[in-house]
Protein backbone atom coordinates (compact mmCIF):
# COMPACT_ATOMS: atom_id res chain seq x y z
CA MET A 1 89.23 63.04 -17.32
CA LYS A 2 93.05 63.52 -19.09
CA THR A 3 93.64 59.95 -18.00
CA VAL A 4 91.22 58.00 -19.41
CA LYS A 5 90.95 57.37 -23.17
CA LEU A 6 87.86 57.80 -24.26
CA VAL A 7 86.35 56.54 -27.70
CA GLU A 8 85.97 59.01 -30.54
CA LEU A 9 82.73 60.50 -32.17
CA ARG A 10 83.26 63.14 -34.46
CA ARG A 11 79.96 63.91 -36.95
CA ASP A 12 82.07 63.66 -39.91
CA ASN A 13 82.91 59.91 -39.14
CA ARG A 14 81.00 56.94 -40.15
CA SER A 15 80.43 55.20 -37.14
CA THR A 16 77.92 58.47 -36.31
CA VAL A 17 76.01 57.62 -39.35
CA HIS A 18 75.55 53.61 -37.72
CA LEU A 19 75.00 54.74 -34.35
CA ASP A 20 72.57 56.80 -36.32
CA LEU A 21 70.76 54.11 -38.38
CA LEU A 22 70.67 51.55 -35.02
CA ARG A 23 68.78 54.22 -33.04
CA GLY A 24 66.50 54.87 -36.25
CA LEU A 25 65.86 50.74 -36.62
CA ALA A 26 65.09 50.51 -33.28
CA ALA A 27 62.39 53.70 -32.90
CA LEU A 28 60.72 51.78 -36.75
CA VAL A 29 60.81 47.79 -34.71
CA VAL A 30 59.27 49.97 -31.58
CA LEU A 31 56.35 51.28 -34.06
CA THR A 32 55.83 48.28 -36.00
CA ASN A 33 55.61 46.46 -33.10
CA HIS A 34 52.54 48.51 -31.72
CA LEU A 35 51.30 48.23 -35.03
CA ARG A 36 51.12 44.94 -34.86
CA ASN A 37 50.54 44.15 -31.83
CA LEU A 38 47.25 46.90 -32.30
CA PHE A 39 46.15 45.81 -36.12
CA PHE A 40 46.86 42.18 -36.65
CA VAL A 41 45.94 38.75 -34.84
CA ASP A 42 48.73 36.94 -32.77
CA TYR A 43 50.79 34.57 -34.67
CA GLY A 44 49.06 31.52 -32.64
CA GLN A 45 45.73 32.53 -34.25
CA VAL A 46 47.47 33.03 -37.82
CA ILE A 47 45.05 30.77 -40.48
CA HIS A 48 47.71 31.23 -43.76
CA LYS A 49 50.99 31.72 -42.79
CA ASN A 50 54.09 32.29 -45.46
CA ILE A 51 57.47 32.83 -45.40
CA LEU A 52 56.65 37.53 -46.03
CA VAL A 53 53.91 36.61 -42.61
CA ASN A 54 56.42 34.98 -41.03
CA ILE A 55 59.40 38.04 -41.53
CA PHE A 56 56.45 40.62 -40.62
CA TYR A 57 56.20 38.63 -37.15
CA TYR A 58 59.33 37.82 -36.21
CA PHE A 59 60.76 41.77 -37.30
CA SER A 60 57.31 42.91 -35.69
CA SER A 61 58.54 41.13 -32.28
CA PHE A 62 61.10 42.65 -30.32
CA GLY A 63 59.71 45.93 -29.57
CA TYR A 64 60.84 45.57 -25.93
CA GLN A 65 64.42 44.23 -27.27
CA ALA A 66 64.73 47.80 -29.29
CA VAL A 67 64.22 49.91 -25.78
CA ILE A 68 67.48 48.17 -24.58
CA VAL A 69 69.10 48.57 -27.36
CA PHE A 70 68.17 52.65 -26.85
CA PHE A 71 68.82 52.53 -23.09
CA VAL A 72 72.53 51.21 -23.93
CA LEU A 73 72.92 53.60 -26.67
CA SER A 74 71.84 56.40 -24.28
CA GLY A 75 74.24 55.02 -21.73
CA PHE A 76 76.99 55.15 -24.33
CA CYS A 77 75.97 59.10 -25.57
CA ILE A 78 74.88 60.41 -21.98
CA SER A 79 78.51 58.66 -20.28
CA LEU A 80 80.56 60.20 -22.10
CA THR A 81 79.24 63.47 -22.38
CA VAL A 82 79.10 63.91 -18.78
CA ILE A 83 83.07 62.47 -18.52
CA LYS A 84 84.49 64.61 -20.98
CA SER A 85 82.54 67.67 -18.82
CA ILE A 86 83.26 66.83 -15.36
CA GLU A 87 86.30 68.37 -14.74
CA ASN A 88 84.44 72.04 -15.69
CA TRP A 89 80.77 70.59 -14.02
CA SER A 90 77.83 71.97 -14.08
CA TRP A 91 74.13 70.99 -13.03
CA LYS A 92 73.17 74.12 -14.91
CA ILE A 93 74.35 72.96 -17.87
CA TYR A 94 74.33 69.61 -18.14
CA PHE A 95 69.94 70.15 -16.78
CA ILE A 96 69.45 72.80 -19.62
CA ASN A 97 70.87 70.57 -22.00
CA ARG A 98 69.18 67.27 -21.04
CA LEU A 99 65.84 68.83 -20.06
CA SER A 100 65.37 70.92 -22.96
CA ARG A 101 66.31 68.08 -25.31
CA LEU A 102 63.42 65.69 -23.53
CA TYR A 103 60.64 68.53 -23.02
CA VAL A 104 60.94 69.49 -26.48
CA VAL A 105 58.30 66.78 -27.83
CA LEU A 106 57.50 65.37 -24.26
CA ILE A 107 54.74 68.21 -23.36
CA ILE A 108 54.10 68.57 -26.75
CA ALA A 109 53.56 65.07 -27.27
CA LEU A 110 51.23 64.48 -23.87
CA PHE A 111 48.98 67.38 -25.22
CA LEU A 112 48.87 65.30 -27.99
CA GLY A 113 48.15 62.43 -26.63
CA LEU A 114 45.20 63.93 -24.06
CA PHE A 115 43.36 65.36 -27.93
CA LEU A 116 43.73 62.00 -29.46
CA ASP A 117 42.43 60.18 -26.59
CA TYR A 118 39.90 62.57 -25.51
CA LEU A 119 38.43 62.86 -29.14
CA GLY A 120 38.41 59.09 -29.13
CA ILE A 121 36.37 58.11 -26.13
CA THR A 122 33.69 61.15 -27.40
CA ILE A 123 33.39 59.47 -30.46
CA TRP A 124 33.25 55.41 -29.73
CA ASP A 125 31.05 54.21 -27.61
CA LYS A 126 32.63 52.13 -24.31
CA ASN A 127 33.29 48.82 -26.65
CA SER A 128 36.29 50.56 -28.25
CA ILE A 129 39.98 49.99 -27.34
CA TYR A 130 39.06 53.35 -24.64
CA TYR A 131 37.34 51.61 -22.25
CA ARG A 132 37.33 47.60 -22.69
CA ASN A 133 41.28 47.39 -24.30
CA PHE A 134 39.82 43.50 -26.04
CA LEU A 135 42.40 45.22 -29.14
CA GLY A 136 45.18 46.13 -27.20
CA SER A 137 45.51 44.32 -23.88
CA ASN A 138 48.75 43.13 -24.88
CA ILE A 139 49.99 46.55 -24.53
CA ILE A 140 47.75 48.48 -22.45
CA ASP A 141 46.92 46.97 -19.56
CA SER A 142 44.24 49.34 -18.43
CA PRO A 143 40.99 51.25 -19.41
CA VAL A 144 42.82 54.20 -21.40
CA VAL A 145 39.49 56.17 -19.48
CA ASN A 146 40.93 55.83 -16.50
CA ARG A 147 44.43 57.10 -17.32
CA LEU A 148 43.67 60.32 -18.29
CA LYS A 149 43.40 62.08 -14.73
CA ILE A 150 45.24 65.85 -14.18
CA SER A 151 47.63 64.25 -11.30
CA ILE A 152 48.93 61.51 -13.86
CA PHE A 153 49.24 64.17 -16.40
CA ILE A 154 51.43 66.17 -13.88
CA GLY A 155 53.20 62.78 -12.77
CA ASN A 156 54.31 61.88 -16.55
CA ILE A 157 55.15 65.40 -16.75
CA PHE A 158 58.20 65.12 -13.70
CA PHE A 159 58.73 61.90 -14.16
CA LEU A 160 57.00 59.83 -12.47
CA GLN A 161 55.22 57.47 -14.33
CA ASN A 162 55.45 53.99 -13.16
CA ILE A 163 56.59 55.52 -9.82
CA ARG A 164 53.77 57.20 -8.70
CA VAL A 165 51.22 57.42 -11.62
CA THR A 166 50.45 55.34 -14.33
CA THR A 167 51.83 56.16 -18.15
CA PHE A 168 49.35 59.39 -19.75
CA GLY A 169 46.55 57.95 -21.32
CA SER A 170 46.94 55.36 -24.13
CA ASN A 171 50.56 56.81 -24.79
CA ASP A 172 51.91 53.05 -22.64
CA PRO A 173 55.73 54.30 -24.28
CA LEU A 174 56.70 56.52 -21.99
CA TRP A 175 57.39 53.96 -19.06
CA SER A 176 61.12 54.19 -20.22
CA LEU A 177 61.12 58.19 -20.38
CA SER A 178 60.96 58.40 -16.24
CA SER A 179 63.64 55.47 -16.11
CA GLU A 180 65.67 57.76 -18.67
CA PHE A 181 65.57 60.69 -16.32
CA TRP A 182 66.33 59.45 -13.35
CA TYR A 183 69.62 57.64 -14.79
CA TYR A 184 70.29 61.11 -16.40
CA VAL A 185 71.18 62.07 -12.65
CA LEU A 186 71.89 59.28 -11.60
CA PHE A 187 74.92 59.02 -14.09
CA PRO A 188 77.06 61.74 -13.08
CA CYS A 189 76.22 61.76 -8.85
CA ILE A 190 77.92 58.36 -8.93
CA LEU A 191 80.68 59.69 -11.31
CA LEU A 192 81.22 62.92 -8.40
CA ILE A 193 81.33 60.82 -5.80
CA VAL A 194 84.41 58.56 -7.35
CA TYR A 195 86.11 61.36 -9.38
CA PRO A 196 88.64 61.93 -7.19
CA LYS A 197 89.69 65.46 -7.20
CA ILE A 198 86.17 66.26 -5.54
CA ASN A 199 85.76 67.02 -2.23
CA LEU A 200 84.61 64.49 0.98
CA VAL A 201 81.43 66.93 1.79
CA THR A 202 80.09 66.90 -1.98
CA LYS A 203 80.96 63.47 -2.22
CA PHE A 204 78.65 62.68 0.97
CA LEU A 205 75.96 64.46 -0.96
CA HIS A 206 75.85 62.35 -3.69
CA THR A 207 75.98 60.12 -2.10
CA PHE A 208 73.24 60.92 -0.02
CA ILE A 209 71.97 61.83 -3.40
CA VAL A 210 72.29 58.14 -4.88
CA LEU A 211 70.10 55.95 -2.47
CA THR A 212 67.56 58.06 -2.04
CA ILE A 213 66.69 57.82 -5.92
CA PHE A 214 67.09 54.05 -5.63
CA LYS A 215 64.87 53.86 -2.61
CA PHE A 216 62.53 55.94 -4.52
CA ILE A 217 62.29 54.65 -8.18
CA GLY A 218 62.33 50.83 -6.96
CA ASN A 219 63.93 48.02 -7.60
CA SER A 220 62.31 46.88 -11.18
CA ILE A 221 63.90 50.54 -12.34
CA ALA A 222 66.79 50.39 -10.13
CA ILE A 223 68.17 47.16 -11.79
CA TYR A 224 67.69 48.44 -15.54
CA PHE A 225 69.64 51.29 -14.67
CA PHE A 226 72.67 48.65 -15.07
CA ILE A 227 71.57 47.77 -17.92
CA TRP A 228 71.75 51.32 -19.30
CA LEU A 229 75.05 51.62 -17.72
CA LEU A 230 76.54 49.05 -20.03
CA GLY A 231 76.78 52.03 -22.28
CA THR A 232 79.37 53.52 -20.06
CA PRO A 233 82.21 51.05 -21.00
CA VAL A 234 81.84 51.49 -24.69
CA CYS A 235 83.34 55.03 -24.33
CA LEU A 236 85.87 54.11 -22.05
CA THR A 237 88.45 51.92 -23.83
CA GLY A 238 89.25 54.24 -26.57
CA ASN A 239 89.98 53.08 -30.09
CA LEU A 240 91.68 49.88 -31.61
CA ARG A 241 94.22 50.29 -34.07
CA ILE A 242 92.78 49.08 -36.63
CA LYS A 243 93.92 50.41 -40.04
CA ASN A 244 92.53 47.57 -42.27
CA PRO A 245 88.77 48.81 -43.72
CA ILE A 246 88.51 45.03 -43.89
CA TYR A 247 88.74 44.06 -40.45
CA LYS A 248 86.78 47.32 -39.65
CA PHE A 249 83.61 45.57 -41.43
CA LEU A 250 84.43 42.15 -40.28
CA SER A 251 84.53 43.10 -36.70
CA ILE A 252 81.20 44.82 -37.61
CA LEU A 253 80.07 42.04 -39.35
CA VAL A 254 80.52 39.43 -36.56
CA SER A 255 79.29 41.57 -33.97
CA SER A 256 75.91 41.97 -36.18
CA LEU A 257 75.77 38.36 -36.27
CA ILE A 258 76.07 37.69 -32.49
CA PHE A 259 73.17 40.32 -31.80
CA LEU A 260 71.05 38.62 -34.72
CA LEU A 261 71.67 35.38 -33.20
CA THR A 262 71.07 36.34 -29.84
CA LEU A 263 67.72 37.94 -30.80
CA LEU A 264 66.78 34.09 -32.17
CA LEU A 265 67.65 32.90 -28.62
CA ILE A 266 65.66 35.28 -27.30
CA LYS A 267 62.23 34.79 -29.98
CA PHE A 268 62.55 31.18 -28.94
CA ASN A 269 62.35 31.34 -25.62
CA ILE A 270 65.93 29.88 -24.87
CA LEU A 271 67.15 32.65 -22.93
CA MET A 272 64.01 32.21 -21.24
CA ASN A 273 64.98 34.49 -17.35
CA SER A 274 64.07 37.99 -18.44
CA TYR A 275 66.40 40.10 -16.65
CA LEU A 276 69.28 37.49 -17.76
CA SER A 277 68.27 37.46 -21.85
CA ASP A 278 67.81 41.93 -21.02
CA PHE A 279 72.23 41.85 -19.59
CA ILE A 280 72.68 39.26 -22.48
CA LEU A 281 71.49 41.69 -24.73
CA ALA A 282 72.70 44.72 -23.25
CA ILE A 283 76.38 43.12 -23.46
CA VAL A 284 75.23 42.23 -26.53
CA THR A 285 74.53 45.54 -28.08
CA ALA A 286 77.64 47.20 -26.27
CA ILE A 287 79.92 45.37 -28.10
CA LEU A 288 78.27 45.87 -31.20
CA ILE A 289 78.10 49.48 -30.73
CA TYR A 290 81.81 49.16 -29.64
CA SER A 291 82.23 47.60 -33.29
CA LEU A 292 80.68 50.54 -35.06
CA LEU A 293 82.74 52.77 -33.52
CA GLN A 294 85.97 51.87 -34.43
CA ASP A 295 84.89 52.45 -38.45
CA ASN A 296 85.85 56.35 -37.71
CA ARG A 297 87.25 56.86 -41.22
CA LYS A 298 86.15 60.00 -42.72
CA GLN A 299 82.71 59.58 -44.49
CA PRO A 300 82.70 59.74 -48.41
CA VAL A 301 81.25 62.91 -50.37
CA ASP A 302 78.00 63.18 -51.18
CA SER A 303 78.60 62.00 -54.48
CA HIS A 304 79.61 59.04 -53.47
CA ALA A 305 75.41 57.00 -54.59
CA PHE A 306 75.18 54.39 -51.99
CA TRP A 307 76.88 56.22 -49.21
CA TYR A 308 74.87 59.10 -49.32
CA SER A 309 71.66 57.48 -49.47
CA TYR A 310 72.53 55.12 -46.34
CA LYS A 311 73.74 58.28 -44.50
CA ILE A 312 70.06 60.73 -45.31
CA ILE A 313 68.39 56.86 -44.54
CA SER A 314 70.37 57.08 -41.17
CA GLN A 315 69.84 60.13 -40.43
CA LYS A 316 66.06 61.31 -41.12
CA LEU A 317 65.46 58.12 -38.92
CA ALA A 318 67.91 59.26 -36.25
CA GLY A 319 66.40 63.03 -36.57
CA PHE A 320 62.80 61.97 -35.13
CA SER A 321 63.25 58.78 -33.73
CA TYR A 322 62.59 60.06 -30.10
CA THR A 323 59.41 61.91 -31.73
CA LEU A 324 58.17 58.85 -33.40
CA TYR A 325 58.92 57.13 -30.17
CA LEU A 326 56.93 59.52 -28.37
CA VAL A 327 54.16 60.37 -30.44
CA HIS A 328 53.24 56.91 -32.36
CA MET A 329 50.67 54.79 -29.80
CA PRO A 330 47.54 57.45 -29.59
CA ILE A 331 47.50 57.76 -33.04
CA LEU A 332 47.95 54.05 -33.10
CA VAL A 333 45.42 54.12 -30.37
CA PHE A 334 42.64 55.87 -32.02
CA ILE A 335 43.18 54.33 -36.06
CA ASN A 336 42.14 51.48 -33.85
CA ALA A 337 39.26 52.41 -32.34
CA CYS A 338 38.18 54.34 -35.81
CA LEU A 339 39.17 50.50 -37.86
CA LEU A 340 38.40 47.78 -35.59
CA LYS A 341 35.16 46.80 -33.50
CA GLU A 342 35.35 42.99 -33.15
CA THR A 343 38.79 41.66 -33.85
CA ARG A 344 42.10 41.94 -35.07
CA TRP A 345 43.02 41.23 -38.91
CA GLN A 346 44.19 38.22 -40.09
CA PRO A 347 47.68 38.96 -41.77
CA ASP A 348 46.57 38.53 -45.35
CA THR A 349 47.88 40.59 -48.73
CA PHE A 350 44.99 42.92 -48.34
CA HIS A 351 45.81 43.51 -44.49
CA LEU A 352 49.20 43.69 -45.17
CA LEU A 353 48.82 46.65 -47.31
CA VAL A 354 46.70 48.52 -45.26
CA GLY A 355 49.72 48.16 -41.88
CA LEU A 356 52.52 49.18 -44.23
CA ILE A 357 49.80 52.29 -45.40
CA LEU A 358 49.32 52.54 -41.31
CA LEU A 359 52.87 52.65 -40.79
CA LEU A 360 53.90 55.19 -43.80
CA LEU A 361 51.27 57.31 -42.77
CA VAL A 362 52.32 57.37 -38.63
CA LEU A 363 56.05 57.57 -39.84
CA GLY A 364 54.49 60.95 -41.93
CA TYR A 365 52.60 62.23 -38.60
CA ALA A 366 55.76 62.05 -36.66
CA PHE A 367 58.47 63.43 -38.64
CA SER A 368 56.09 66.57 -38.83
CA ILE A 369 55.52 67.12 -35.76
CA SER A 370 59.45 66.60 -35.16
CA LEU A 371 60.04 69.62 -37.70
CA PHE A 372 58.73 72.04 -34.35
CA THR A 373 60.86 69.59 -31.24
CA GLU A 374 63.03 67.33 -31.93
CA ALA A 375 64.54 69.78 -34.57
CA LYS A 376 64.44 72.77 -32.85
CA THR A 377 65.76 71.52 -30.31
CA GLU A 378 69.22 73.05 -30.32
CA LYS A 379 67.56 76.57 -30.99
CA LEU A 380 65.60 75.68 -27.14
CA ARG A 381 69.04 74.83 -25.58
CA ASP A 382 70.85 78.12 -26.50
CA PHE A 383 67.67 80.20 -25.57
CA LEU A 384 67.56 78.74 -22.01
CA LYS A 385 71.58 79.12 -21.69
CA SER A 386 71.59 82.50 -22.91
CA SER A 387 68.38 83.09 -20.43
CA LEU A 388 69.55 81.26 -17.39
CA LEU A 389 73.31 81.69 -18.27
CA LYS A 390 73.77 84.96 -17.60
């Protein structure tokens, strides 16, 4: 779209590294939230509270909100990609790009989950989390043993979880992936409807597709599409002409503080309506992303110690964030069945240290898997294009 001023996003700009950190931290918060829920008692049951415990419970309480951040980030990135290519639109290229990204991790994640869940069910008795959920009912709402059917497995491959089937096995985070997929389809269809250079027949066809998808996915997933769409205005606003780095820093600082304040309001139930708080958080996230994009300075040379460390941490976290999101839950549930029997842990020094070790182990597990999945996305994409676009 030549008439639309798009925001600048270049791999050699600082803004890209900032967004990498945001994505990586969101995945880390989801992991920490699930680990806390599976292994540690709820905050109201904590016997001895201190500042370390309070920080741990506060930081680990925003797993759901982290998914909202993912949605807005996804809406921004996909919108920018689609708008840039709309004049020479190709559904084939688009689906190759999107499905290679989704499936390169999803298929492996489903099979790993299947293996771990069946292994856990085989080893542990009916008092384990796989049957009763009493140590995981806050994040797994039905017995895992009932969610391992082949129909559910296939449904999750075709992004039908929470539409026609449940999420597969213990891997409850898969719920958001079906939403993402259908949003990926909806947005280009809507853009093709409003894009003036598209003929009427094509517009009517895509209108029918949009209405059919909205009917198919149901109200809940449809509502959150509008949260996902809040990432779209970010890419349409261009860059502000801010040359002074101090002003850029201040804009990031202010938007970050507003973001943290919003989380605080959600935490203490000041923003109580679920949909309202989600939309407010999404708007604030979009503002934060936009402010991060204003830091479009070139990245410093890697000899700059602080920047180099910041860049490496951000890129490494983001580089396996998708894999981490998809593979962490089954391994946590398996470890839960191994270590916990009747009650979850108190957050004393010893168990907090054990929790940290578990966190690092799961991070290493996900990173290792990402080397054979997420890191190979471009190779898979290039192979599919060379094979299917001849």
